[in-house]
Amino acid sequence: MRKESSTNFSNENTLKEYCAAHKVLMQISGRWKLSLLFALMEKELRYNEFIDVLPNLSERILTKQLSELQDDNLVSKTKSKTSSIYSLTEKGKDFIGVLKSFQSLDNL
């Protein structure tokens, strides 16, 4: 827990309030979130399939980061009788499109 009197705490609160880029970065911050989004770009995945795609990802972190991506409306979850299926929302697909556009900047 940070001290509320620290400069970092103050700076973070200012960024949260006034900086739109900070809000976007907070939605995708997390070691595995971008990997999860790119995995879903290929196809819908069941919960257990994420472990196959990203074998070093712990179940605790997977659950936490999928939940945060759902809260930010980047990923949707559909429950079937036997499992949960995850897919990108329209917002998630748009976001992946923006990320892919940065790949073309490599040639600059």
Protein backbone atom coordinates (compact mmCIF):
# COMPACT_ATOMS: atom_id res chain seq x y z
CA MET A 1 0.00 0.00 0.00
CA ARG A 2 1.32 3.44 -0.91
CA LYS A 3 1.56 6.34 1.45
CA GLU A 4 -1.14 8.85 0.59
CA SER A 5 1.34 11.66 1.22
CA SER A 6 3.82 10.38 -1.39
CA THR A 7 4.51 12.19 -4.65
CA ASN A 8 3.77 9.00 -6.62
CA PHE A 9 0.33 8.72 -5.03
CA SER A 10 -0.41 12.36 -5.87
CA ASN A 11 0.85 11.98 -9.43
CA GLU A 12 -1.21 8.85 -9.99
CA ASN A 13 -4.37 10.57 -8.79
CA THR A 14 -3.71 13.53 -11.07
CA LEU A 15 -3.19 11.21 -14.04
CA LYS A 16 -6.38 9.30 -13.23
CA GLU A 17 -8.35 12.51 -13.20
CA TYR A 18 -6.92 14.38 -16.19
CA CYS A 19 -5.13 12.02 -18.56
CA ALA A 20 -7.14 9.91 -21.01
CA ALA A 21 -4.02 7.96 -22.02
CA HIS A 22 -3.56 6.87 -18.41
CA LYS A 23 -7.10 5.48 -18.38
CA VAL A 24 -6.37 3.42 -21.49
CA LEU A 25 -3.07 2.17 -20.13
CA MET A 26 -4.73 1.11 -16.88
CA GLN A 27 -7.17 -1.05 -18.86
CA ILE A 28 -4.35 -3.02 -20.45
CA SER A 29 -1.79 -2.91 -17.67
CA GLY A 30 -0.92 -6.30 -16.37
CA ARG A 31 1.70 -8.72 -17.55
CA TRP A 32 -0.69 -11.00 -19.45
CA LYS A 33 -3.56 -8.79 -20.65
CA LEU A 34 -2.16 -8.06 -24.10
CA SER A 35 -1.26 -11.72 -24.58
CA LEU A 36 -4.81 -12.70 -23.59
CA LEU A 37 -6.28 -10.19 -26.05
CA PHE A 38 -4.04 -11.37 -28.89
CA ALA A 39 -4.86 -15.02 -28.12
CA LEU A 40 -8.55 -14.15 -28.42
CA MET A 41 -7.90 -12.40 -31.70
CA GLU A 42 -7.19 -15.83 -33.21
CA LYS A 43 -10.33 -17.54 -31.88
CA GLU A 44 -12.69 -17.85 -28.93
CA LEU A 45 -11.14 -19.76 -26.06
CA ARG A 46 -12.38 -21.82 -23.16
CA TYR A 47 -10.86 -21.07 -19.78
CA ASN A 48 -8.63 -24.17 -19.84
CA GLU A 49 -7.40 -23.39 -23.35
CA PHE A 50 -5.69 -20.24 -22.07
CA ILE A 51 -3.36 -22.44 -20.04
CA ASP A 52 -2.44 -24.35 -23.20
CA VAL A 53 -1.81 -21.11 -25.12
CA LEU A 54 0.05 -19.38 -22.26
CA PRO A 55 1.51 -22.21 -20.14
CA ASN A 56 3.35 -19.96 -17.65
CA LEU A 57 0.16 -18.11 -16.70
CA SER A 58 -1.18 -19.07 -13.27
CA GLU A 59 -4.88 -19.72 -12.84
CA ARG A 60 -5.15 -16.99 -10.20
CA ILE A 61 -3.70 -14.34 -12.53
CA LEU A 62 -5.71 -15.66 -15.49
CA THR A 63 -8.95 -15.33 -13.53
CA LYS A 64 -8.04 -11.87 -12.25
CA GLN A 65 -6.98 -10.46 -15.59
CA LEU A 66 -9.89 -11.97 -17.53
CA SER A 67 -12.24 -10.45 -14.97
CA GLU A 68 -10.60 -7.02 -15.37
CA LEU A 69 -10.79 -7.29 -19.17
CA GLN A 70 -14.49 -8.11 -18.84
CA ASP A 71 -15.02 -5.15 -16.50
CA ASP A 72 -13.40 -2.91 -19.13
CA ASN A 73 -15.66 -4.41 -21.84
CA LEU A 74 -12.76 -5.74 -23.91
CA VAL A 75 -13.64 -9.43 -23.39
CA SER A 76 -16.99 -11.17 -23.03
CA LYS A 77 -17.73 -14.45 -21.29
CA THR A 78 -20.40 -16.93 -22.33
CA LYS A 79 -21.17 -19.83 -20.03
CA SER A 80 -22.05 -23.22 -21.48
CA LYS A 81 -23.06 -26.27 -19.49
CA THR A 82 -19.48 -27.46 -19.16
CA SER A 83 -17.24 -24.40 -19.50
CA SER A 84 -16.87 -20.67 -19.98
CA ILE A 85 -16.05 -19.36 -23.44
CA TYR A 86 -14.24 -16.05 -23.82
CA SER A 87 -14.23 -13.81 -26.88
CA LEU A 88 -13.36 -10.25 -27.83
CA THR A 89 -16.12 -7.66 -27.67
CA GLU A 90 -16.45 -5.08 -30.45
CA LYS A 91 -14.44 -2.69 -28.27
CA GLY A 92 -11.78 -5.40 -27.86
CA LYS A 93 -11.64 -5.99 -31.63
CA ASP A 94 -11.30 -2.25 -32.24
CA PHE A 95 -8.53 -2.08 -29.66
CA ILE A 96 -6.63 -4.94 -31.31
CA GLY A 97 -6.95 -3.08 -34.61
CA VAL A 98 -5.31 -0.03 -33.06
CA LEU A 99 -2.49 -2.18 -31.67
CA LYS A 100 -1.95 -3.82 -35.05
CA SER A 101 -1.63 -0.41 -36.67
CA PHE A 102 1.47 0.21 -34.53
CA GLN A 103 3.18 -2.76 -36.20
CA SER A 104 3.46 -0.71 -39.39
CA LEU A 105 5.47 1.90 -37.49
CA ASP A 106 8.44 -0.49 -37.33
CA ASN A 107 9.57 0.70 -40.76
CA LEU A 108 9.87 4.37 -39.81
